[in-house]
N, C-alpha and C. Protein backbone atom coordinates (compact mmCIF):
# COMPACT_ATOMS: atom_id res chain seq x y z
N GLY A 1 0.81 -1.19 0.00
CA GLY A 1 0.00 0.00 0.00
C GLY A 1 0.85 1.25 0.00
N ILE A 2 0.19 2.36 -0.03
CA ILE A 2 0.86 3.67 0.05
C ILE A 2 0.49 4.29 1.38
N THR A 3 1.51 4.71 2.12
CA THR A 3 1.29 5.33 3.40
C THR A 3 1.87 6.75 3.41
N THR A 4 1.24 7.61 4.19
CA THR A 4 1.68 9.00 4.29
C THR A 4 2.04 9.31 5.75
N PRO A 5 3.27 8.95 6.16
CA PRO A 5 3.70 9.28 7.51
C PRO A 5 3.86 10.78 7.67
N PHE A 6 3.70 11.25 8.90
CA PHE A 6 3.90 12.67 9.18
C PHE A 6 4.71 12.83 10.44
N TYR A 7 5.59 13.82 10.40
CA TYR A 7 6.47 14.11 11.52
C TYR A 7 6.08 15.48 12.05
N CYS A 8 5.14 15.46 13.01
CA CYS A 8 4.64 16.71 13.59
C CYS A 8 5.69 17.28 14.52
N ASN A 9 5.91 18.56 14.39
CA ASN A 9 6.84 19.26 15.26
C ASN A 9 6.28 20.62 15.60
N ASP A 10 6.84 21.21 16.65
CA ASP A 10 6.34 22.51 17.12
C ASP A 10 7.15 23.69 16.61
N GLY A 11 8.11 23.44 15.72
CA GLY A 11 8.95 24.51 15.19
C GLY A 11 10.07 24.92 16.14
N ARG A 12 10.19 24.20 17.27
CA ARG A 12 11.23 24.50 18.26
C ARG A 12 12.06 23.25 18.60
N GLY A 13 12.05 22.28 17.69
CA GLY A 13 12.88 21.10 17.89
C GLY A 13 12.22 19.94 18.61
N ASN A 14 10.92 20.04 18.86
CA ASN A 14 10.20 18.97 19.55
C ASN A 14 9.28 18.25 18.57
N PHE A 15 9.30 16.93 18.65
CA PHE A 15 8.49 16.10 17.76
C PHE A 15 7.43 15.35 18.56
N LEU A 16 6.25 15.24 17.97
CA LEU A 16 5.12 14.58 18.60
C LEU A 16 5.10 13.11 18.20
N LEU A 17 5.13 12.22 19.20
CA LEU A 17 5.05 10.79 18.95
C LEU A 17 3.97 10.21 19.86
N HIS A 18 3.37 9.13 19.41
CA HIS A 18 2.38 8.47 20.25
C HIS A 18 2.75 7.01 20.47
N LYS A 19 2.19 6.43 21.52
CA LYS A 19 2.40 5.03 21.83
C LYS A 19 1.22 4.24 21.28
N ARG A 20 1.52 3.28 20.42
CA ARG A 20 0.49 2.47 19.77
C ARG A 20 -0.16 1.53 20.78
N SER A 21 -1.49 1.50 20.77
CA SER A 21 -2.23 0.67 21.72
C SER A 21 -2.28 -0.78 21.25
N LYS A 22 -2.82 -1.63 22.10
CA LYS A 22 -2.99 -3.05 21.78
C LYS A 22 -4.00 -3.25 20.66
N ASN A 23 -4.80 -2.21 20.34
CA ASN A 23 -5.80 -2.31 19.28
C ASN A 23 -5.22 -2.08 17.88
N CYS A 24 -3.99 -1.60 17.79
CA CYS A 24 -3.36 -1.38 16.48
C CYS A 24 -3.02 -2.73 15.85
N ARG A 25 -2.95 -2.76 14.52
CA ARG A 25 -2.76 -4.04 13.83
C ARG A 25 -1.36 -4.62 14.03
N ASP A 26 -0.39 -3.77 14.40
CA ASP A 26 0.97 -4.27 14.62
C ASP A 26 1.76 -3.28 15.47
N GLU A 27 2.93 -3.69 15.87
CA GLU A 27 3.88 -2.87 16.61
C GLU A 27 3.27 -2.20 17.84
N ASN A 28 2.47 -2.97 18.56
CA ASN A 28 1.81 -2.48 19.77
C ASN A 28 2.87 -2.04 20.78
N GLY A 29 2.64 -0.89 21.40
CA GLY A 29 3.56 -0.35 22.40
C GLY A 29 4.71 0.44 21.82
N ASN A 30 4.89 0.39 20.51
CA ASN A 30 5.97 1.15 19.88
C ASN A 30 5.55 2.60 19.69
N ARG A 31 6.54 3.48 19.67
CA ARG A 31 6.29 4.91 19.46
C ARG A 31 6.29 5.22 17.97
N ASP A 32 5.32 6.02 17.58
CA ASP A 32 5.04 6.26 16.17
C ASP A 32 4.71 7.74 15.99
N PRO A 33 5.22 8.38 14.95
CA PRO A 33 4.87 9.78 14.73
C PRO A 33 3.47 9.97 14.14
N GLY A 34 2.93 8.93 13.51
CA GLY A 34 1.61 9.00 12.88
C GLY A 34 1.71 8.81 11.39
N SER A 35 0.66 8.24 10.82
CA SER A 35 0.60 8.05 9.37
C SER A 35 -0.79 7.55 9.02
N GLY A 36 -1.02 7.46 7.74
CA GLY A 36 -2.30 6.94 7.27
C GLY A 36 -2.16 6.40 5.87
N LYS A 37 -2.93 5.36 5.61
CA LYS A 37 -2.97 4.80 4.26
C LYS A 37 -3.60 5.84 3.33
N LEU A 38 -3.02 6.01 2.17
CA LEU A 38 -3.54 6.97 1.20
C LEU A 38 -4.88 6.48 0.67
N ASP A 39 -5.89 7.32 0.82
CA ASP A 39 -7.22 6.99 0.32
C ASP A 39 -7.34 7.34 -1.16
N PHE A 40 -8.10 6.54 -1.89
CA PHE A 40 -8.32 6.77 -3.31
C PHE A 40 -8.97 8.14 -3.53
N GLY A 41 -8.46 8.88 -4.50
CA GLY A 41 -9.05 10.16 -4.88
C GLY A 41 -8.66 11.33 -4.00
N VAL A 42 -7.76 11.10 -3.05
CA VAL A 42 -7.33 12.16 -2.14
C VAL A 42 -5.87 12.47 -2.42
N SER A 43 -5.52 13.74 -2.47
CA SER A 43 -4.12 14.09 -2.70
C SER A 43 -3.28 13.73 -1.47
N LEU A 44 -1.99 13.61 -1.68
CA LEU A 44 -1.07 13.32 -0.57
C LEU A 44 -1.22 14.35 0.54
N GLU A 45 -1.27 15.62 0.16
CA GLU A 45 -1.36 16.71 1.13
C GLU A 45 -2.69 16.66 1.89
N GLN A 46 -3.78 16.41 1.18
CA GLN A 46 -5.09 16.30 1.84
C GLN A 46 -5.10 15.14 2.83
N ASN A 47 -4.49 14.03 2.42
CA ASN A 47 -4.43 12.85 3.27
C ASN A 47 -3.66 13.15 4.56
N ILE A 48 -2.53 13.81 4.42
CA ILE A 48 -1.69 14.17 5.58
C ILE A 48 -2.48 15.03 6.55
N LEU A 49 -3.05 16.11 6.06
CA LEU A 49 -3.74 17.05 6.95
C LEU A 49 -4.97 16.41 7.61
N ARG A 50 -5.66 15.55 6.89
CA ARG A 50 -6.80 14.84 7.48
C ARG A 50 -6.33 13.90 8.58
N GLU A 51 -5.26 13.16 8.32
CA GLU A 51 -4.74 12.21 9.31
C GLU A 51 -4.22 12.93 10.56
N VAL A 52 -3.56 14.07 10.40
CA VAL A 52 -3.10 14.83 11.56
C VAL A 52 -4.30 15.24 12.41
N ALA A 53 -5.35 15.72 11.76
CA ALA A 53 -6.57 16.12 12.49
C ALA A 53 -7.22 14.91 13.17
N GLU A 54 -7.25 13.77 12.48
CA GLU A 54 -7.86 12.57 13.07
C GLU A 54 -7.08 12.07 14.28
N GLU A 55 -5.76 12.02 14.17
CA GLU A 55 -4.97 11.44 15.25
C GLU A 55 -4.70 12.43 16.38
N TYR A 56 -4.46 13.70 16.04
CA TYR A 56 -4.04 14.67 17.05
C TYR A 56 -5.03 15.82 17.26
N GLY A 57 -6.16 15.79 16.56
CA GLY A 57 -7.22 16.76 16.81
C GLY A 57 -6.84 18.20 16.55
N CYS A 58 -5.87 18.44 15.68
CA CYS A 58 -5.44 19.81 15.42
C CYS A 58 -5.14 20.01 13.93
N LYS A 59 -5.00 21.26 13.58
CA LYS A 59 -4.61 21.59 12.21
C LYS A 59 -3.09 21.50 12.10
N GLY A 60 -2.65 21.25 10.88
CA GLY A 60 -1.23 21.18 10.62
C GLY A 60 -0.86 22.05 9.44
N GLU A 61 0.39 22.44 9.40
CA GLU A 61 0.94 23.21 8.28
C GLU A 61 2.08 22.40 7.68
N ILE A 62 1.89 21.97 6.43
CA ILE A 62 2.92 21.17 5.77
C ILE A 62 4.16 22.03 5.55
N GLN A 63 5.31 21.49 5.99
CA GLN A 63 6.57 22.19 5.86
C GLN A 63 7.41 21.66 4.70
N GLU A 64 7.42 20.35 4.55
CA GLU A 64 8.30 19.74 3.56
C GLU A 64 7.91 18.29 3.35
N ARG A 65 8.17 17.81 2.14
CA ARG A 65 7.93 16.39 1.83
C ARG A 65 9.26 15.70 1.66
N LEU A 66 9.39 14.55 2.26
CA LEU A 66 10.57 13.71 2.08
C LEU A 66 10.44 12.92 0.78
N PRO A 67 11.56 12.42 0.26
CA PRO A 67 11.46 11.56 -0.92
C PRO A 67 10.65 10.30 -0.60
N ALA A 68 9.87 9.85 -1.56
CA ALA A 68 9.14 8.59 -1.40
C ALA A 68 10.16 7.46 -1.33
N HIS A 69 9.83 6.45 -0.52
CA HIS A 69 10.74 5.32 -0.40
C HIS A 69 9.99 4.05 -0.06
N ASP A 70 10.62 2.92 -0.39
CA ASP A 70 10.05 1.60 -0.14
C ASP A 70 10.31 1.17 1.29
N MET A 71 9.34 0.46 1.86
CA MET A 71 9.53 -0.19 3.15
C MET A 71 9.00 -1.62 3.03
N PHE A 72 9.90 -2.56 3.21
CA PHE A 72 9.54 -3.97 3.17
C PHE A 72 9.47 -4.46 4.61
N ARG A 73 8.34 -5.01 4.98
CA ARG A 73 8.15 -5.48 6.35
C ARG A 73 7.51 -6.85 6.35
N GLU A 74 7.57 -7.49 7.50
CA GLU A 74 6.88 -8.76 7.69
C GLU A 74 6.14 -8.68 9.01
N HIS A 75 4.86 -9.06 8.97
CA HIS A 75 4.03 -9.06 10.17
C HIS A 75 3.23 -10.35 10.21
N ASN A 76 3.37 -11.08 11.29
CA ASN A 76 2.69 -12.38 11.44
C ASN A 76 2.94 -13.29 10.25
N GLY A 77 4.19 -13.27 9.76
CA GLY A 77 4.57 -14.14 8.65
C GLY A 77 4.14 -13.66 7.28
N ILE A 78 3.48 -12.52 7.22
CA ILE A 78 3.03 -11.97 5.94
C ILE A 78 3.95 -10.83 5.54
N LYS A 79 4.52 -10.94 4.36
CA LYS A 79 5.41 -9.90 3.86
C LYS A 79 4.58 -8.79 3.24
N THR A 80 4.98 -7.56 3.53
CA THR A 80 4.27 -6.40 2.97
C THR A 80 5.27 -5.46 2.31
N HIS A 81 4.78 -4.69 1.38
CA HIS A 81 5.57 -3.68 0.69
C HIS A 81 4.77 -2.38 0.75
N TRP A 82 5.31 -1.41 1.48
CA TRP A 82 4.68 -0.10 1.58
C TRP A 82 5.54 0.92 0.85
N VAL A 83 4.90 1.84 0.17
CA VAL A 83 5.58 3.01 -0.37
C VAL A 83 5.21 4.16 0.55
N ALA A 84 6.22 4.72 1.20
CA ALA A 84 6.00 5.80 2.16
C ALA A 84 6.30 7.14 1.50
N VAL A 85 5.38 8.08 1.69
CA VAL A 85 5.57 9.46 1.21
C VAL A 85 5.38 10.35 2.44
N PRO A 86 6.48 10.58 3.20
CA PRO A 86 6.38 11.30 4.46
C PRO A 86 6.46 12.81 4.31
N PHE A 87 5.89 13.48 5.31
CA PHE A 87 5.88 14.94 5.36
C PHE A 87 6.27 15.42 6.76
N PHE A 88 6.92 16.57 6.82
CA PHE A 88 7.09 17.30 8.07
C PHE A 88 5.92 18.26 8.18
N VAL A 89 5.31 18.31 9.36
CA VAL A 89 4.12 19.12 9.58
C VAL A 89 4.27 19.88 10.89
N LYS A 90 4.10 21.18 10.81
CA LYS A 90 4.15 22.00 12.02
C LYS A 90 2.75 22.06 12.63
N VAL A 91 2.68 21.83 13.94
CA VAL A 91 1.41 21.91 14.67
C VAL A 91 1.60 22.77 15.90
N ASN A 92 0.50 23.29 16.40
CA ASN A 92 0.52 24.06 17.63
C ASN A 92 0.53 23.07 18.79
N ARG A 93 1.58 23.12 19.56
CA ARG A 93 1.78 22.17 20.66
C ARG A 93 0.60 22.20 21.65
N ASP A 94 0.03 23.37 21.86
CA ASP A 94 -1.07 23.51 22.82
C ASP A 94 -2.40 22.94 22.31
N GLU A 95 -2.49 22.69 21.00
CA GLU A 95 -3.73 22.18 20.43
C GLU A 95 -3.71 20.68 20.18
N ALA A 96 -2.53 20.07 20.16
CA ALA A 96 -2.42 18.63 19.88
C ALA A 96 -2.90 17.82 21.07
N ILE A 97 -3.80 16.87 20.78
CA ILE A 97 -4.36 15.99 21.81
C ILE A 97 -4.36 14.55 21.29
N ASN A 98 -4.62 13.62 22.17
CA ASN A 98 -4.83 12.24 21.77
C ASN A 98 -6.27 12.14 21.29
N ASN A 99 -6.46 12.21 19.99
CA ASN A 99 -7.80 12.22 19.41
C ASN A 99 -8.27 10.82 19.01
N GLU A 100 -7.43 9.81 19.23
CA GLU A 100 -7.80 8.42 18.92
C GLU A 100 -7.41 7.51 20.09
N PRO A 101 -8.05 7.70 21.25
CA PRO A 101 -7.64 6.93 22.43
C PRO A 101 -7.79 5.41 22.29
N GLU A 102 -8.58 4.95 21.32
CA GLU A 102 -8.69 3.51 21.11
C GLU A 102 -7.45 2.93 20.44
N ASN A 103 -6.70 3.78 19.71
CA ASN A 103 -5.49 3.32 19.02
C ASN A 103 -4.20 3.92 19.59
N ILE A 104 -4.34 4.94 20.41
CA ILE A 104 -3.18 5.64 20.96
C ILE A 104 -3.28 5.63 22.48
N ASP A 105 -2.27 5.03 23.13
CA ASP A 105 -2.27 5.00 24.59
C ASP A 105 -1.90 6.35 25.18
N GLU A 106 -0.94 7.03 24.56
CA GLU A 106 -0.50 8.34 25.06
C GLU A 106 0.28 9.06 23.97
N ILE A 107 0.37 10.37 24.12
CA ILE A 107 1.19 11.17 23.20
C ILE A 107 2.25 11.89 24.03
N GLY A 108 3.32 12.29 23.36
CA GLY A 108 4.37 13.03 24.04
C GLY A 108 5.26 13.75 23.06
N TRP A 109 5.95 14.75 23.57
CA TRP A 109 6.87 15.56 22.77
C TRP A 109 8.30 15.16 23.11
N PHE A 110 9.12 14.99 22.06
CA PHE A 110 10.48 14.51 22.24
C PHE A 110 11.43 15.24 21.30
N THR A 111 12.66 15.42 21.76
CA THR A 111 13.70 15.95 20.87
C THR A 111 14.33 14.78 20.12
N LEU A 112 15.01 15.09 19.04
CA LEU A 112 15.65 14.04 18.25
C LEU A 112 16.74 13.33 19.04
N ASP A 113 17.33 14.03 20.00
CA ASP A 113 18.39 13.44 20.82
C ASP A 113 17.85 12.64 21.99
N ASN A 114 16.53 12.63 22.17
CA ASN A 114 15.94 11.94 23.31
C ASN A 114 14.65 11.23 22.89
N LEU A 115 14.71 10.48 21.79
CA LEU A 115 13.54 9.76 21.31
C LEU A 115 13.26 8.56 22.20
N PRO A 116 11.97 8.26 22.43
CA PRO A 116 11.62 7.12 23.27
C PRO A 116 11.84 5.81 22.52
N LYS A 117 11.82 4.72 23.25
CA LYS A 117 11.96 3.38 22.67
C LYS A 117 10.87 2.49 23.24
N PRO A 118 10.46 1.51 22.49
CA PRO A 118 10.88 1.19 21.12
C PRO A 118 10.15 2.07 20.10
N LEU A 119 10.83 2.32 19.00
CA LEU A 119 10.25 3.10 17.91
C LEU A 119 9.64 2.16 16.87
N HIS A 120 8.60 2.64 16.21
CA HIS A 120 7.99 1.92 15.09
C HIS A 120 9.08 1.67 14.04
N THR A 121 9.11 0.47 13.47
CA THR A 121 10.17 0.13 12.52
C THR A 121 10.17 1.04 11.28
N GLY A 122 8.99 1.44 10.83
CA GLY A 122 8.93 2.35 9.68
C GLY A 122 9.57 3.69 9.99
N PHE A 123 9.31 4.22 11.19
CA PHE A 123 9.91 5.48 11.60
C PHE A 123 11.42 5.31 11.78
N GLN A 124 11.85 4.22 12.36
CA GLN A 124 13.30 3.97 12.51
C GLN A 124 14.00 4.02 11.16
N PHE A 125 13.39 3.36 10.17
CA PHE A 125 13.98 3.32 8.83
C PHE A 125 14.08 4.72 8.24
N SER A 126 12.98 5.46 8.26
CA SER A 126 12.97 6.81 7.66
C SER A 126 13.91 7.75 8.41
N PHE A 127 13.92 7.65 9.73
CA PHE A 127 14.77 8.52 10.54
C PHE A 127 16.24 8.26 10.25
N SER A 128 16.63 7.01 10.11
CA SER A 128 18.04 6.72 9.83
C SER A 128 18.42 7.07 8.38
N LYS A 129 17.51 6.84 7.45
CA LYS A 129 17.80 7.10 6.04
C LYS A 129 17.81 8.60 5.72
N PHE A 130 16.98 9.38 6.41
CA PHE A 130 16.82 10.80 6.09
C PHE A 130 17.16 11.69 7.29
N ARG A 131 18.13 11.30 8.06
CA ARG A 131 18.49 12.03 9.29
C ARG A 131 18.76 13.51 9.00
N ASP A 132 19.39 13.81 7.86
CA ASP A 132 19.72 15.21 7.54
C ASP A 132 18.47 16.06 7.39
N TYR A 133 17.38 15.50 6.91
CA TYR A 133 16.11 16.24 6.83
C TYR A 133 15.60 16.57 8.24
N PHE A 134 15.65 15.59 9.12
CA PHE A 134 15.17 15.79 10.49
C PHE A 134 15.99 16.87 11.22
N GLU A 135 17.28 16.87 10.95
CA GLU A 135 18.17 17.82 11.63
C GLU A 135 17.77 19.27 11.37
N LYS A 136 17.16 19.53 10.23
CA LYS A 136 16.72 20.91 9.91
C LYS A 136 15.64 21.40 10.86
N TYR A 137 14.93 20.48 11.51
CA TYR A 137 13.83 20.85 12.39
C TYR A 137 14.19 20.74 13.87
N LYS A 138 15.46 20.56 14.13
CA LYS A 138 15.97 20.42 15.49
C LYS A 138 15.85 21.72 16.26
């Protein structure tokens, strides 16, 4: 599938991550910045902004798009191939909430030098591959 991860930040070097609940399809308990499967007929940008509102209950301002990249994963013995098209999104720290308590146990703000563990494997991959992009938002 195609996924649109988003890296919400407050413009002061803090990134918003959430802890995936037991109700998520995989990587339960891992920290995730947020993402959503691209819906048919919706632009990448529309998908991102809708997903930010759904997960964090706030508006976002798209700052930059990362290069699209492949992610090959295996879950419960099933191999998957995702094409990720991630974006950096600025949000108002005071407006971000846990808007999906059934899928998100908690949210928190973290600096790049103090990220929580364990991290979602997709985020780990993108963060290591595109570290220089993240550094611009430090």
